[in-house]
Amino acid sequence: MKYAGITDGPEKIKRQRNNPSDFKIMQQFTSEAAARQWKVRMMGQGYEEDAVSQGWKYGYTFSLR
């Protein structure tokens, strides 16, 4: 399963998800609106929303097997 989310603390999210090897910060945002638009686009590409994401400064992706 592929996940995407937005957060202010990507390192914390990575630790909470047990350090997935494919965890990537995909984009840094300058506004919350831009971050939310990115997240909607990622959901449209087949990603599931990561339920633990908080904040909006970074967009990230990872997968769990």
Protein backbone atom coordinates (compact mmCIF):
# COMPACT_ATOMS: atom_id res chain seq x y z
CA MET A 1 0.00 0.00 0.00
CA LYS A 2 1.32 3.47 -0.93
CA TYR A 3 0.77 6.40 1.45
CA ALA A 4 1.16 10.17 1.20
CA GLY A 5 0.83 12.89 3.78
CA ILE A 6 1.83 16.39 4.80
CA THR A 7 3.63 17.27 8.01
CA ASP A 8 5.82 19.76 9.83
CA GLY A 9 7.99 16.95 11.22
CA PRO A 10 8.96 14.38 8.58
CA GLU A 11 11.62 12.76 10.79
CA LYS A 12 9.01 12.04 13.47
CA ILE A 13 6.62 10.53 10.91
CA LYS A 14 9.39 8.33 9.51
CA ARG A 15 10.17 7.01 13.01
CA GLN A 16 6.47 6.43 13.76
CA ARG A 17 6.22 4.33 10.59
CA ASN A 18 9.28 2.22 11.53
CA ASN A 19 11.68 3.92 9.10
CA PRO A 20 10.39 2.64 5.74
CA SER A 21 13.26 2.38 3.27
CA ASP A 22 11.33 4.25 0.57
CA PHE A 23 10.24 7.18 2.79
CA LYS A 24 10.75 10.37 0.76
CA ILE A 25 10.12 14.05 1.28
CA MET A 26 8.60 14.86 -2.08
CA GLN A 27 8.04 18.59 -1.75
CA GLN A 28 8.40 21.53 0.63
CA PHE A 29 5.51 24.02 0.70
CA THR A 30 5.21 27.73 1.38
CA SER A 31 1.47 27.65 2.07
CA GLU A 32 -1.05 25.28 3.57
CA ALA A 33 -3.28 25.63 0.50
CA ALA A 34 -0.48 24.40 -1.80
CA ALA A 35 0.17 21.46 0.54
CA ARG A 36 -3.49 20.45 0.56
CA GLN A 37 -3.65 20.64 -3.24
CA TRP A 38 -0.60 18.38 -3.49
CA LYS A 39 -2.20 15.87 -1.13
CA VAL A 40 -5.38 15.79 -3.24
CA ARG A 41 -3.26 15.16 -6.37
CA MET A 42 -1.45 12.31 -4.65
CA MET A 43 -4.77 10.71 -3.63
CA GLY A 44 -5.81 10.95 -7.28
CA GLN A 45 -2.65 9.04 -8.24
CA GLY A 46 -3.60 6.08 -6.06
CA TYR A 47 -1.98 6.96 -2.75
CA GLU A 48 -3.82 6.46 0.53
CA GLU A 49 -3.82 9.31 3.05
CA ASP A 50 -1.45 8.77 5.97
CA ALA A 51 -3.62 9.23 9.05
CA VAL A 52 -0.81 10.44 11.35
CA SER A 53 0.26 13.43 9.27
CA GLN A 54 0.18 16.80 11.08
CA GLY A 55 1.05 20.24 9.76
CA TRP A 56 1.72 21.14 6.13
CA LYS A 57 5.33 22.20 5.43
CA TYR A 58 6.49 18.94 3.79
CA GLY A 59 4.82 16.40 1.53
CA TYR A 60 6.03 12.83 1.93
CA THR A 61 5.39 9.35 0.59
CA PHE A 62 6.19 5.80 1.65
CA SER A 63 4.83 2.29 1.25
CA LEU A 64 4.02 -0.50 3.66
CA ARG A 65 4.03 -4.10 2.60
